[in-house]
Amino acid sequence: MLSFLKIGKNIFPEEMENLVNKIEGVKESFVFGKQLTDDKENIKINVKIIFDRKIVEDTYKVKKDEEIYEVISKKIKEINKKMPPYKAIRGMILSEEPLIKTSTNKIKRQANLDAINEVKN
């Protein structure tokens, strides 16, 4: 659970991930909060999406990375329209590399967050 929003609402990443994972061509996703300023409550919801290039290219008739980003971004916006505004996904990272998982195939949330922060810095 991400319990951070200024309005005191809780976000359950798994709930959001289940919706994102329904997008054609998405293998898995990882929803996380990103602090925008020094204010620890100023958080924006982001998602890292692991996609299958072949499925995305065939389904949406796109080839270039920019086109893939656009089509998946459009799908995220459709999900956001069905959500309360405080649950809207505001940032997206696309990758073809699988998420870091435990031996029982559960997402290692902290390890994935650390990897994302390493790349960003």
PDB file of N, CA and C in Angstrom:
ATOM      1  N   MET A   1       0.847  -1.180   0.000  1.00  0.00           N
ATOM      2  CA  MET A   1       0.000   0.000   0.000  1.00  0.00           C
ATOM      3  C   MET A   1       0.887   1.236   0.000  1.00  0.00           C
ATOM      4  N   LEU A   2       0.575   2.164  -0.861  1.00  0.00           N
ATOM      5  CA  LEU A   2       1.238   3.461  -0.869  1.00  0.00           C
ATOM      6  C   LEU A   2       0.325   4.419  -0.133  1.00  0.00           C
ATOM      7  N   SER A   3       0.758   4.838   1.027  1.00  0.00           N
ATOM      8  CA  SER A   3      -0.081   5.710   1.840  1.00  0.00           C
ATOM      9  C   SER A   3       0.606   7.058   1.915  1.00  0.00           C
ATOM     10  N   PHE A   4       0.347   7.909   0.940  1.00  0.00           N
ATOM     11  CA  PHE A   4       1.144   9.120   0.894  1.00  0.00           C
ATOM     12  C   PHE A   4       0.417  10.359   0.443  1.00  0.00           C
ATOM     13  N   LEU A   5      -0.652  10.246  -0.147  1.00  0.00           N
ATOM     14  CA  LEU A   5      -1.228  11.407  -0.806  1.00  0.00           C
ATOM     15  C   LEU A   5      -1.661  12.489   0.173  1.00  0.00           C
ATOM     16  N   LYS A   6      -1.523  13.751  -0.246  1.00  0.00           N
ATOM     17  CA  LYS A   6      -1.862  14.901   0.597  1.00  0.00           C
ATOM     18  C   LYS A   6      -3.287  14.836   1.116  1.00  0.00           C
ATOM     19  N   ILE A   7      -4.157  14.211   0.352  1.00  0.00           N
ATOM     20  CA  ILE A   7      -5.549  14.141   0.771  1.00  0.00           C
ATOM     21  C   ILE A   7      -5.800  12.957   1.702  1.00  0.00           C
ATOM     22  N   GLY A   8      -4.737  12.247   2.076  1.00  0.00           N
ATOM     23  CA  GLY A   8      -4.858  11.161   3.037  1.00  0.00           C
ATOM     24  C   GLY A   8      -5.416   9.871   2.464  1.00  0.00           C
ATOM     25  N   LYS A   9      -5.400   9.728   1.167  1.00  0.00           N
ATOM     26  CA  LYS A   9      -5.911   8.516   0.527  1.00  0.00           C
ATOM     27  C   LYS A   9      -4.789   7.487   0.383  1.00  0.00           C
ATOM     28  N   ASN A  10      -5.174   6.223   0.430  1.00  0.00           N
ATOM     29  CA  ASN A  10      -4.220   5.143   0.227  1.00  0.00           C
ATOM     30  C   ASN A  10      -4.369   4.582  -1.182  1.00  0.00           C
ATOM     31  N   ILE A  11      -3.241   4.193  -1.738  1.00  0.00           N
ATOM     32  CA  ILE A  11      -3.225   3.570  -3.059  1.00  0.00           C
ATOM     33  C   ILE A  11      -2.682   2.159  -2.879  1.00  0.00           C
ATOM     34  N   PHE A  12      -3.344   1.199  -3.476  1.00  0.00           N
ATOM     35  CA  PHE A  12      -2.859  -0.171  -3.448  1.00  0.00           C
ATOM     36  C   PHE A  12      -2.235  -0.459  -4.806  1.00  0.00           C
ATOM     37  N   PRO A  13      -0.902  -0.564  -4.874  1.00  0.00           N
ATOM     38  CA  PRO A  13      -0.230  -0.745  -6.165  1.00  0.00           C
ATOM     39  C   PRO A  13      -0.749  -1.949  -6.947  1.00  0.00           C
ATOM     40  N   GLU A  14      -1.035  -3.035  -6.244  1.00  0.00           N
ATOM     41  CA  GLU A  14      -1.487  -4.251  -6.924  1.00  0.00           C
ATOM     42  C   GLU A  14      -2.785  -4.008  -7.696  1.00  0.00           C
ATOM     43  N   GLU A  15      -3.674  -3.185  -7.132  1.00  0.00           N
ATOM     44  CA  GLU A  15      -4.936  -2.858  -7.807  1.00  0.00           C
ATOM     45  C   GLU A  15      -4.658  -2.156  -9.136  1.00  0.00           C
ATOM     46  N   MET A  16      -3.758  -1.192  -9.098  1.00  0.00           N
ATOM     47  CA  MET A  16      -3.405  -0.446 -10.306  1.00  0.00           C
ATOM     48  C   MET A  16      -2.662  -1.352 -11.297  1.00  0.00           C
ATOM     49  N   GLU A  17      -1.761  -2.182 -10.782  1.00  0.00           N
ATOM     50  CA  GLU A  17      -0.995  -3.080 -11.647  1.00  0.00           C
ATOM     51  C   GLU A  17      -1.914  -4.058 -12.386  1.00  0.00           C
ATOM     52  N   ASN A  18      -2.942  -4.543 -11.704  1.00  0.00           N
ATOM     53  CA  ASN A  18      -3.885  -5.461 -12.351  1.00  0.00           C
ATOM     54  C   ASN A  18      -4.549  -4.805 -13.558  1.00  0.00           C
ATOM     55  N   LEU A  19      -4.881  -3.530 -13.436  1.00  0.00           N
ATOM     56  CA  LEU A  19      -5.491  -2.804 -14.556  1.00  0.00           C
ATOM     57  C   LEU A  19      -4.493  -2.609 -15.698  1.00  0.00           C
ATOM     58  N   VAL A  20      -3.280  -2.199 -15.353  1.00  0.00           N
ATOM     59  CA  VAL A  20      -2.243  -1.965 -16.368  1.00  0.00           C
ATOM     60  C   VAL A  20      -1.901  -3.278 -17.083  1.00  0.00           C
ATOM     61  N   ASN A  21      -1.853  -4.372 -16.336  1.00  0.00           N
ATOM     62  CA  ASN A  21      -1.478  -5.658 -16.916  1.00  0.00           C
ATOM     63  C   ASN A  21      -2.503  -6.184 -17.920  1.00  0.00           C
ATOM     64  N   LYS A  22      -3.690  -5.590 -17.933  1.00  0.00           N
ATOM     65  CA  LYS A  22      -4.721  -5.998 -18.897  1.00  0.00           C
ATOM     66  C   LYS A  22      -4.506  -5.372 -20.278  1.00  0.00           C
ATOM     67  N   ILE A  23      -3.609  -4.406 -20.368  1.00  0.00           N
ATOM     68  CA  ILE A  23      -3.307  -3.777 -21.657  1.00  0.00           C
ATOM     69  C   ILE A  23      -2.626  -4.821 -22.548  1.00  0.00           C
ATOM     70  N   GLU A  24      -3.120  -4.957 -23.752  1.00  0.00           N
ATOM     71  CA  GLU A  24      -2.546  -5.926 -24.700  1.00  0.00           C
ATOM     72  C   GLU A  24      -1.053  -5.640 -24.909  1.00  0.00           C
ATOM     73  N   GLY A  25      -0.226  -6.652 -24.704  1.00  0.00           N
ATOM     74  CA  GLY A  25       1.216  -6.513 -24.904  1.00  0.00           C
ATOM     75  C   GLY A  25       1.991  -6.225 -23.628  1.00  0.00           C
ATOM     76  N   VAL A  26       1.291  -5.908 -22.536  1.00  0.00           N
ATOM     77  CA  VAL A  26       1.974  -5.671 -21.255  1.00  0.00           C
ATOM     78  C   VAL A  26       2.159  -7.011 -20.558  1.00  0.00           C
ATOM     79  N   LYS A  27       3.420  -7.314 -20.239  1.00  0.00           N
ATOM     80  CA  LYS A  27       3.720  -8.570 -19.535  1.00  0.00           C
ATOM     81  C   LYS A  27       3.512  -8.410 -18.036  1.00  0.00           C
ATOM     82  N   GLU A  28       4.004  -7.290 -17.502  1.00  0.00           N
ATOM     83  CA  GLU A  28       3.897  -7.017 -16.071  1.00  0.00           C
ATOM     84  C   GLU A  28       4.130  -5.540 -15.837  1.00  0.00           C
ATOM     85  N   SER A  29       3.776  -5.096 -14.628  1.00  0.00           N
ATOM     86  CA  SER A  29       3.963  -3.681 -14.299  1.00  0.00           C
ATOM     87  C   SER A  29       4.276  -3.529 -12.818  1.00  0.00           C
ATOM     88  N   PHE A  30       4.828  -2.360 -12.501  1.00  0.00           N
ATOM     89  CA  PHE A  30       5.224  -2.036 -11.138  1.00  0.00           C
ATOM     90  C   PHE A  30       4.822  -0.586 -10.866  1.00  0.00           C
ATOM     91  N   VAL A  31       3.847  -0.391  -9.987  1.00  0.00           N
ATOM     92  CA  VAL A  31       3.372   0.948  -9.638  1.00  0.00           C
ATOM     93  C   VAL A  31       4.134   1.429  -8.406  1.00  0.00           C
ATOM     94  N   PHE A  32       4.600   2.677  -8.470  1.00  0.00           N
ATOM     95  CA  PHE A  32       5.372   3.238  -7.364  1.00  0.00           C
ATOM     96  C   PHE A  32       5.126   4.730  -7.257  1.00  0.00           C
ATOM     97  N   GLY A  33       5.424   5.268  -6.090  1.00  0.00           N
ATOM     98  CA  GLY A  33       5.288   6.695  -5.862  1.00  0.00           C
ATOM     99  C   GLY A  33       6.614   7.388  -6.049  1.00  0.00           C
ATOM    100  N   LYS A  34       6.593   8.563  -6.643  1.00  0.00           N
ATOM    101  CA  LYS A  34       7.808   9.354  -6.836  1.00  0.00           C
ATOM    102  C   LYS A  34       7.612  10.701  -6.178  1.00  0.00           C
ATOM    103  N   GLN A  35       8.502  10.997  -5.246  1.00  0.00           N
ATOM    104  CA  GLN A  35       8.444  12.268  -4.528  1.00  0.00           C
ATOM    105  C   GLN A  35       8.899  13.383  -5.464  1.00  0.00           C
ATOM    106  N   LEU A  36       8.076  14.425  -5.599  1.00  0.00           N
ATOM    107  CA  LEU A  36       8.364  15.490  -6.555  1.00  0.00           C
ATOM    108  C   LEU A  36       9.178  16.645  -5.975  1.00  0.00           C
ATOM    109  N   THR A  37       8.985  16.903  -4.694  1.00  0.00           N
ATOM    110  CA  THR A  37       9.682  18.019  -4.059  1.00  0.00           C
ATOM    111  C   THR A  37      10.188  17.551  -2.699  1.00  0.00           C
ATOM    112  N   ASP A  38      10.663  18.471  -1.899  1.00  0.00           N
ATOM    113  CA  ASP A  38      11.097  18.121  -0.543  1.00  0.00           C
ATOM    114  C   ASP A  38       9.920  17.714   0.331  1.00  0.00           C
ATOM    115  N   ASP A  39       8.729  18.088  -0.077  1.00  0.00           N
ATOM    116  CA  ASP A  39       7.511  17.729   0.653  1.00  0.00           C
ATOM    117  C   ASP A  39       7.239  16.241   0.439  1.00  0.00           C
ATOM    118  N   LYS A  40       7.390  15.458   1.495  1.00  0.00           N
ATOM    119  CA  LYS A  40       7.229  14.008   1.396  1.00  0.00           C
ATOM    120  C   LYS A  40       5.815  13.584   1.006  1.00  0.00           C
ATOM    121  N   GLU A  41       4.877  14.510   1.079  1.00  0.00           N
ATOM    122  CA  GLU A  41       3.504  14.185   0.691  1.00  0.00           C
ATOM    123  C   GLU A  41       3.201  14.573  -0.756  1.00  0.00           C
ATOM    124  N   ASN A  42       4.155  15.219  -1.413  1.00  0.00           N
ATOM    125  CA  ASN A  42       3.964  15.600  -2.810  1.00  0.00           C
ATOM    126  C   ASN A  42       4.484  14.465  -3.689  1.00  0.00           C
ATOM    127  N   ILE A  43       3.640  13.464  -3.866  1.00  0.00           N
ATOM    128  CA  ILE A  43       4.014  12.236  -4.564  1.00  0.00           C
ATOM    129  C   ILE A  43       3.172  12.098  -5.832  1.00  0.00           C
ATOM    130  N   LYS A  44       3.811  11.610  -6.865  1.00  0.00           N
ATOM    131  CA  LYS A  44       3.052  11.307  -8.080  1.00  0.00           C
ATOM    132  C   LYS A  44       3.180   9.818  -8.352  1.00  0.00           C
ATOM    133  N   ILE A  45       2.089   9.226  -8.819  1.00  0.00           N
ATOM    134  CA  ILE A  45       2.067   7.797  -9.095  1.00  0.00           C
ATOM    135  C   ILE A  45       2.693   7.547 -10.461  1.00  0.00           C
ATOM    136  N   ASN A  46       3.629   6.605 -10.486  1.00  0.00           N
ATOM    137  CA  ASN A  46       4.324   6.222 -11.706  1.00  0.00           C
ATOM    138  C   ASN A  46       4.152   4.732 -11.921  1.00  0.00           C
ATOM    139  N   VAL A  47       4.450   4.287 -13.124  1.00  0.00           N
ATOM    140  CA  VAL A  47       4.395   2.859 -13.415  1.00  0.00           C
ATOM    141  C   VAL A  47       5.570   2.493 -14.325  1.00  0.00           C
ATOM    142  N   LYS A  48       6.176   1.363 -14.009  1.00  0.00           N
ATOM    143  CA  LYS A  48       7.169   0.775 -14.905  1.00  0.00           C
ATOM    144  C   LYS A  48       6.461  -0.385 -15.583  1.00  0.00           C
ATOM    145  N   ILE A  49       6.446  -0.362 -16.904  1.00  0.00           N
ATOM    146  CA  ILE A  49       5.735  -1.372 -17.683  1.00  0.00           C
ATOM    147  C   ILE A  49       6.740  -2.217 -18.460  1.00  0.00           C
ATOM    148  N   ILE A  50       6.627  -3.519 -18.293  1.00  0.00           N
ATOM    149  CA  ILE A  50       7.425  -4.464 -19.063  1.00  0.00           C
ATOM    150  C   ILE A  50       6.519  -4.954 -20.188  1.00  0.00           C
ATOM    151  N   PHE A  51       6.946  -4.730 -21.424  1.00  0.00           N
ATOM    152  CA  PHE A  51       6.087  -5.058 -22.555  1.00  0.00           C
ATOM    153  C   PHE A  51       6.746  -6.066 -23.489  1.00  0.00           C
ATOM    154  N   ASP A  52       5.907  -6.724 -24.273  1.00  0.00           N
ATOM    155  CA  ASP A  52       6.357  -7.664 -25.297  1.00  0.00           C
ATOM    156  C   ASP A  52       6.324  -6.918 -26.632  1.00  0.00           C
ATOM    157  N   ARG A  53       7.489  -6.607 -27.143  1.00  0.00           N
ATOM    158  CA  ARG A  53       7.603  -5.788 -28.356  1.00  0.00           C
ATOM    159  C   ARG A  53       6.813  -6.386 -29.524  1.00  0.00           C
ATOM    160  N   LYS A  54       6.928  -7.670 -29.744  1.00  0.00           N
ATOM    161  CA  LYS A  54       6.255  -8.327 -30.881  1.00  0.00           C
ATOM    162  C   LYS A  54       4.739  -8.170 -30.780  1.00  0.00           C
ATOM    163  N   ILE A  55       4.194  -8.433 -29.596  1.00  0.00           N
ATOM    164  CA  ILE A  55       2.741  -8.314 -29.407  1.00  0.00           C
ATOM    165  C   ILE A  55       2.293  -6.871 -29.597  1.00  0.00           C
ATOM    166  N   VAL A  56       3.025  -5.922 -29.023  1.00  0.00           N
ATOM    167  CA  VAL A  56       2.657  -4.504 -29.145  1.00  0.00           C
ATOM    168  C   VAL A  56       2.729  -4.067 -30.602  1.00  0.00           C
ATOM    169  N   GLU A  57       3.805  -4.451 -31.305  1.00  0.00           N
ATOM    170  CA  GLU A  57       3.941  -4.061 -32.717  1.00  0.00           C
ATOM    171  C   GLU A  57       2.804  -4.643 -33.563  1.00  0.00           C
ATOM    172  N   ASP A  58       2.488  -5.927 -33.334  1.00  0.00           N
ATOM    173  CA  ASP A  58       1.440  -6.580 -34.118  1.00  0.00           C
ATOM    174  C   ASP A  58       0.048  -6.041 -33.790  1.00  0.00           C
ATOM    175  N   THR A  59      -0.227  -5.849 -32.503  1.00  0.00           N
ATOM    176  CA  THR A  59      -1.557  -5.415 -32.068  1.00  0.00           C
ATOM    177  C   THR A  59      -1.853  -3.981 -32.494  1.00  0.00           C
ATOM    178  N   TYR A  60      -0.891  -3.083 -32.305  1.00  0.00           N
ATOM    179  CA  TYR A  60      -1.138  -1.657 -32.530  1.00  0.00           C
ATOM    180  C   TYR A  60      -0.530  -1.135 -33.820  1.00  0.00           C
ATOM    181  N   LYS A  61       0.109  -2.015 -34.593  1.00  0.00           N
ATOM    182  CA  LYS A  61       0.720  -1.642 -35.880  1.00  0.00           C
ATOM    183  C   LYS A  61       1.703  -0.479 -35.725  1.00  0.00           C
ATOM    184  N   VAL A  62       2.589  -0.630 -34.751  1.00  0.00           N
ATOM    185  CA  VAL A  62       3.631   0.370 -34.502  1.00  0.00           C
ATOM    186  C   VAL A  62       4.995  -0.312 -34.527  1.00  0.00           C
ATOM    187  N   LYS A  63       6.031   0.452 -34.787  1.00  0.00           N
ATOM    188  CA  LYS A  63       7.389  -0.105 -34.848  1.00  0.00           C
ATOM    189  C   LYS A  63       8.376   0.675 -33.976  1.00  0.00           C
ATOM    190  N   LYS A  64       8.324   2.003 -34.102  1.00  0.00           N
ATOM    191  CA  LYS A  64       9.306   2.848 -33.409  1.00  0.00           C
ATOM    192  C   LYS A  64       9.012   2.922 -31.915  1.00  0.00           C
ATOM    193  N   ASP A  65      10.076   3.107 -31.119  1.00  0.00           N
ATOM    194  CA  ASP A  65       9.924   3.215 -29.665  1.00  0.00           C
ATOM    195  C   ASP A  65       8.965   4.341 -29.287  1.00  0.00           C
ATOM    196  N   GLU A  66       9.035   5.472 -30.014  1.00  0.00           N
ATOM    197  CA  GLU A  66       8.158   6.610 -29.709  1.00  0.00           C
ATOM    198  C   GLU A  66       6.693   6.229 -29.919  1.00  0.00           C
ATOM    199  N   GLU A  67       6.432   5.461 -30.973  1.00  0.00           N
ATOM    200  CA  GLU A  67       5.060   5.032 -31.264  1.00  0.00           C
ATOM    201  C   GLU A  67       4.560   4.062 -30.188  1.00  0.00           C
ATOM    202  N   ILE A  68       5.444   3.174 -29.767  1.00  0.00           N
ATOM    203  CA  ILE A  68       5.092   2.218 -28.706  1.00  0.00           C
ATOM    204  C   ILE A  68       4.767   2.974 -27.425  1.00  0.00           C
ATOM    205  N   TYR A  69       5.606   3.953 -27.092  1.00  0.00           N
ATOM    206  CA  TYR A  69       5.370   4.766 -25.894  1.00  0.00           C
ATOM    207  C   TYR A  69       4.014   5.469 -25.993  1.00  0.00           C
ATOM    208  N   GLU A  70       3.737   6.047 -27.150  1.00  0.00           N
ATOM    209  CA  GLU A  70       2.480   6.781 -27.358  1.00  0.00           C
ATOM    210  C   GLU A  70       1.259   5.890 -27.186  1.00  0.00           C
ATOM    211  N   VAL A  71       1.296   4.701 -27.794  1.00  0.00           N
ATOM    212  CA  VAL A  71       0.130   3.825 -27.758  1.00  0.00           C
ATOM    213  C   VAL A  71      -0.116   3.302 -26.338  1.00  0.00           C
ATOM    214  N   ILE A  72       0.949   2.984 -25.621  1.00  0.00           N
ATOM    215  CA  ILE A  72       0.769   2.503 -24.243  1.00  0.00           C
ATOM    216  C   ILE A  72       0.357   3.665 -23.340  1.00  0.00           C
ATOM    217  N   SER A  73       0.914   4.835 -23.586  1.00  0.00           N
ATOM    218  CA  SER A  73       0.535   6.025 -22.828  1.00  0.00           C
ATOM    219  C   SER A  73      -0.957   6.318 -22.997  1.00  0.00           C
ATOM    220  N   LYS A  74      -1.450   6.150 -24.202  1.00  0.00           N
ATOM    221  CA  LYS A  74      -2.869   6.365 -24.489  1.00  0.00           C
ATOM    222  C   LYS A  74      -3.727   5.377 -23.681  1.00  0.00           C
ATOM    223  N   LYS A  75      -3.262   4.140 -23.580  1.00  0.00           N
ATOM    224  CA  LYS A  75      -3.982   3.114 -22.806  1.00  0.00           C
ATOM    225  C   LYS A  75      -3.983   3.464 -21.313  1.00  0.00           C
ATOM    226  N   ILE A  76      -2.883   4.013 -20.820  1.00  0.00           N
ATOM    227  CA  ILE A  76      -2.800   4.442 -19.414  1.00  0.00           C
ATOM    228  C   ILE A  76      -3.789   5.582 -19.176  1.00  0.00           C
ATOM    229  N   LYS A  77      -3.895   6.509 -20.129  1.00  0.00           N
ATOM    230  CA  LYS A  77      -4.845   7.616 -19.994  1.00  0.00           C
ATOM    231  C   LYS A  77      -6.282   7.106 -19.937  1.00  0.00           C
ATOM    232  N   GLU A  78      -6.568   6.043 -20.688  1.00  0.00           N
ATOM    233  CA  GLU A  78      -7.901   5.434 -20.647  1.00  0.00           C
ATOM    234  C   GLU A  78      -8.178   4.847 -19.256  1.00  0.00           C
ATOM    235  N   ILE A  79      -7.174   4.217 -18.674  1.00  0.00           N
ATOM    236  CA  ILE A  79      -7.311   3.681 -17.306  1.00  0.00           C
ATOM    237  C   ILE A  79      -7.541   4.836 -16.333  1.00  0.00           C
ATOM    238  N   ASN A  80      -6.775   5.913 -16.494  1.00  0.00           N
ATOM    239  CA  ASN A  80      -6.889   7.070 -15.599  1.00  0.00           C
ATOM    240  C   ASN A  80      -8.295   7.671 -15.618  1.00  0.00           C
ATOM    241  N   LYS A  81      -8.945   7.647 -16.774  1.00  0.00           N
ATOM    242  CA  LYS A  81     -10.296   8.213 -16.888  1.00  0.00           C
ATOM    243  C   LYS A  81     -11.302   7.468 -16.014  1.00  0.00           C
ATOM    244  N   LYS A  82     -11.021   6.193 -15.738  1.00  0.00           N
ATOM    245  CA  LYS A  82     -11.930   5.369 -14.937  1.00  0.00           C
ATOM    246  C   LYS A  82     -11.614   5.443 -13.443  1.00  0.00           C
ATOM    247  N   MET A  83     -10.564   6.140 -13.105  1.00  0.00           N
ATOM    248  CA  MET A  83     -10.084   6.217 -11.723  1.00  0.00           C
ATOM    249  C   MET A  83     -10.374   7.576 -11.105  1.00  0.00           C
ATOM    250  N   PRO A  84     -10.451   7.608  -9.771  1.00  0.00           N
ATOM    251  CA  PRO A  84     -10.485   8.931  -9.124  1.00  0.00           C
ATOM    252  C   PRO A  84      -9.166   9.648  -9.434  1.00  0.00           C
ATOM    253  N   PRO A  85      -9.182  10.964  -9.532  1.00  0.00           N
ATOM    254  CA  PRO A  85      -7.971  11.708  -9.904  1.00  0.00           C
ATOM    255  C   PRO A  85      -6.744  11.397  -9.031  1.00  0.00           C
ATOM    256  N   TYR A  86      -6.954  11.128  -7.746  1.00  0.00           N
ATOM    257  CA  TYR A  86      -5.792  10.877  -6.883  1.00  0.00           C
ATOM    258  C   TYR A  86      -5.100   9.552  -7.203  1.00  0.00           C
ATOM    259  N   LYS A  87      -5.763   8.675  -7.965  1.00  0.00           N
ATOM    260  CA  LYS A  87      -5.156   7.394  -8.339  1.00  0.00           C
ATOM    261  C   LYS A  87      -4.547   7.429  -9.744  1.00  0.00           C
ATOM    262  N   ALA A  88      -4.607   8.548 -10.405  1.00  0.00           N
ATOM    263  CA  ALA A  88      -4.124   8.633 -11.786  1.00  0.00           C
ATOM    264  C   ALA A  88      -2.619   8.406 -11.866  1.00  0.00           C
ATOM    265  N   ILE A  89      -2.227   7.648 -12.869  1.00  0.00           N
ATOM    266  CA  ILE A  89      -0.805   7.404 -13.134  1.00  0.00           C
ATOM    267  C   ILE A  89      -0.274   8.599 -13.909  1.00  0.00           C
ATOM    268  N   ARG A  90       0.777   9.231 -13.388  1.00  0.00           N
ATOM    269  CA  ARG A  90       1.301  10.471 -13.969  1.00  0.00           C
ATOM    270  C   ARG A  90       2.620  10.299 -14.707  1.00  0.00           C
ATOM    271  N   GLY A  91       3.295   9.164 -14.506  1.00  0.00           N
ATOM    272  CA  GLY A  91       4.575   8.948 -15.172  1.00  0.00           C
ATOM    273  C   GLY A  91       4.697   7.490 -15.580  1.00  0.00           C
ATOM    274  N   MET A  92       5.476   7.240 -16.638  1.00  0.00           N
ATOM    275  CA  MET A  92       5.591   5.880 -17.152  1.00  0.00           C
ATOM    276  C   MET A  92       7.006   5.612 -17.645  1.00  0.00           C
ATOM    277  N   ILE A  93       7.488   4.429 -17.314  1.00  0.00           N
ATOM    278  CA  ILE A  93       8.770   3.937 -17.815  1.00  0.00           C
ATOM    279  C   ILE A  93       8.451   2.656 -18.575  1.00  0.00           C
ATOM    280  N   LEU A  94       8.974   2.522 -19.782  1.00  0.00           N
ATOM    281  CA  LEU A  94       8.792   1.289 -20.551  1.00  0.00           C
ATOM    282  C   LEU A  94      10.100   0.517 -20.601  1.00  0.00           C
ATOM    283  N   SER A  95       9.988  -0.788 -20.510  1.00  0.00           N
ATOM    284  CA  SER A  95      11.172  -1.640 -20.566  1.00  0.00           C
ATOM    285  C   SER A  95      10.790  -3.010 -21.098  1.00  0.00           C
ATOM    286  N   GLU A  96      11.779  -3.700 -21.628  1.00  0.00           N
ATOM    287  CA  GLU A  96      11.570  -5.091 -22.033  1.00  0.00           C
ATOM    288  C   GLU A  96      12.260  -6.038 -21.062  1.00  0.00           C
ATOM    289  N   GLU A  97      12.989  -5.465 -20.104  1.00  0.00           N
ATOM    290  CA  GLU A  97      13.677  -6.268 -19.086  1.00  0.00           C
ATOM    291  C   GLU A  97      12.706  -6.624 -17.970  1.00  0.00           C
ATOM    292  N   PRO A  98      12.663  -7.903 -17.562  1.00  0.00           N
ATOM    293  CA  PRO A  98      11.713  -8.301 -16.504  1.00  0.00           C
ATOM    294  C   PRO A  98      12.000  -7.609 -15.173  1.00  0.00           C
ATOM    295  N   LEU A  99      10.969  -7.490 -14.376  1.00  0.00           N
ATOM    296  CA  LEU A  99      11.109  -6.925 -13.038  1.00  0.00           C
ATOM    297  C   LEU A  99      11.896  -7.888 -12.153  1.00  0.00           C
ATOM    298  N   ILE A 100      12.478  -7.358 -11.099  1.00  0.00           N
ATOM    299  CA  ILE A 100      13.205  -8.181 -10.124  1.00  0.00           C
ATOM    300  C   ILE A 100      12.164  -8.875  -9.250  1.00  0.00           C
ATOM    301  N   LYS A 101      12.316 -10.205  -9.121  1.00  0.00           N
ATOM    302  CA  LYS A 101      11.325 -10.972  -8.367  1.00  0.00           C
ATOM    303  C   LYS A 101      11.986 -11.927  -7.389  1.00  0.00           C
ATOM    304  N   THR A 102      11.173 -12.398  -6.445  1.00  0.00           N
ATOM    305  CA  THR A 102      11.629 -13.409  -5.493  1.00  0.00           C
ATOM    306  C   THR A 102      11.603 -14.769  -6.176  1.00  0.00           C
ATOM    307  N   SER A 103      12.075 -15.784  -5.486  1.00  0.00           N
ATOM    308  CA  SER A 103      12.050 -17.141  -6.042  1.00  0.00           C
ATOM    309  C   SER A 103      10.616 -17.641  -6.218  1.00  0.00           C
ATOM    310  N   THR A 104       9.663 -17.025  -5.514  1.00  0.00           N
ATOM    311  CA  THR A 104       8.251 -17.414  -5.672  1.00  0.00           C
ATOM    312  C   THR A 104       7.524 -16.497  -6.665  1.00  0.00           C
ATOM    313  N   ASN A 105       8.303 -15.740  -7.431  1.00  0.00           N
ATOM    314  CA  ASN A 105       7.785 -14.902  -8.516  1.00  0.00           C
ATOM    315  C   ASN A 105       6.984 -13.687  -8.055  1.00  0.00           C
ATOM    316  N   LYS A 106       7.234 -13.219  -6.835  1.00  0.00           N
ATOM    317  CA  LYS A 106       6.605 -11.986  -6.366  1.00  0.00           C
ATOM    318  C   LYS A 106       7.549 -10.822  -6.661  1.00  0.00           C
ATOM    319  N   ILE A 107       6.960  -9.686  -7.013  1.00  0.00           N
ATOM    320  CA  ILE A 107       7.768  -8.499  -7.315  1.00  0.00           C
ATOM    321  C   ILE A 107       8.479  -8.034  -6.046  1.00  0.00           C
ATOM    322  N   LYS A 108       9.784  -7.827  -6.166  1.00  0.00           N
ATOM    323  CA  LYS A 108      10.560  -7.255  -5.059  1.00  0.00           C
ATOM    324  C   LYS A 108      10.439  -5.737  -5.182  1.00  0.00           C
ATOM    325  N   ARG A 109       9.503  -5.175  -4.452  1.00  0.00           N
ATOM    326  CA  ARG A 109       9.185  -3.752  -4.598  1.00  0.00           C
ATOM    327  C   ARG A 109      10.389  -2.852  -4.325  1.00  0.00           C
ATOM    328  N   GLN A 110      11.065  -3.052  -3.209  1.00  0.00           N
ATOM    329  CA  GLN A 110      12.179  -2.170  -2.862  1.00  0.00           C
ATOM    330  C   GLN A 110      13.335  -2.320  -3.850  1.00  0.00           C
ATOM    331  N   ALA A 111      13.637  -3.541  -4.259  1.00  0.00           N
ATOM    332  CA  ALA A 111      14.733  -3.770  -5.214  1.00  0.00           C
ATOM    333  C   ALA A 111      14.422  -3.101  -6.554  1.00  0.00           C
ATOM    334  N   ASN A 112      13.172  -3.180  -7.005  1.00  0.00           N
ATOM    335  CA  ASN A 112      12.793  -2.532  -8.264  1.00  0.00           C
ATOM    336  C   ASN A 112      12.847  -1.021  -8.138  1.00  0.00           C
ATOM    337  N   LEU A 113      12.393  -0.501  -7.008  1.00  0.00           N
ATOM    338  CA  LEU A 113      12.440   0.941  -6.773  1.00  0.00           C
ATOM    339  C   LEU A 113      13.884   1.430  -6.741  1.00  0.00           C
ATOM    340  N   ASP A 114      14.752   0.681  -6.062  1.00  0.00           N
ATOM    341  CA  ASP A 114      16.175   1.028  -6.017  1.00  0.00           C
ATOM    342  C   ASP A 114      16.774   1.047  -7.422  1.00  0.00           C
ATOM    343  N   ALA A 115      16.417   0.056  -8.246  1.00  0.00           N
ATOM    344  CA  ALA A 115      16.938  -0.010  -9.622  1.00  0.00           C
ATOM    345  C   ALA A 115      16.449   1.179 -10.441  1.00  0.00           C
ATOM    346  N   ILE A 116      15.194   1.557 -10.281  1.00  0.00           N
ATOM    347  CA  ILE A 116      14.653   2.712 -10.997  1.00  0.00           C
ATOM    348  C   ILE A 116      15.367   3.982 -10.562  1.00  0.00           C
ATOM    349  N   ASN A 117      15.562   4.147  -9.256  1.00  0.00           N
ATOM    350  CA  ASN A 117      16.235   5.341  -8.743  1.00  0.00           C
ATOM    351  C   ASN A 117      17.691   5.409  -9.183  1.00  0.00           C
ATOM    352  N   GLU A 118      18.360   4.267  -9.323  1.00  0.00           N
ATOM    353  CA  GLU A 118      19.741   4.227  -9.802  1.00  0.00           C
ATOM    354  C   GLU A 118      19.833   4.768 -11.217  1.00  0.00           C
ATOM    355  N   VAL A 119      18.925   4.335 -12.074  1.00  0.00           N
ATOM    356  CA  VAL A 119      18.912   4.757 -13.472  1.00  0.00           C
ATOM    357  C   VAL A 119      18.615   6.240 -13.583  1.00  0.00           C
ATOM    358  N   LYS A 120      17.688   6.750 -12.748  1.00  0.00           N
ATOM    359  CA  LYS A 120      17.264   8.152 -12.812  1.00  0.00           C
ATOM    360  C   LYS A 120      18.374   9.100 -12.358  1.00  0.00           C
ATOM    361  N   ASN A 121      19.230   8.650 -11.435  1.00  0.00           N
ATOM    362  CA  ASN A 121      20.247   9.544 -10.867  1.00  0.00           C
ATOM    363  C   ASN A 121      21.523   9.574 -11.654  1.00  0.00           C
TER     364      ASN A 121
END
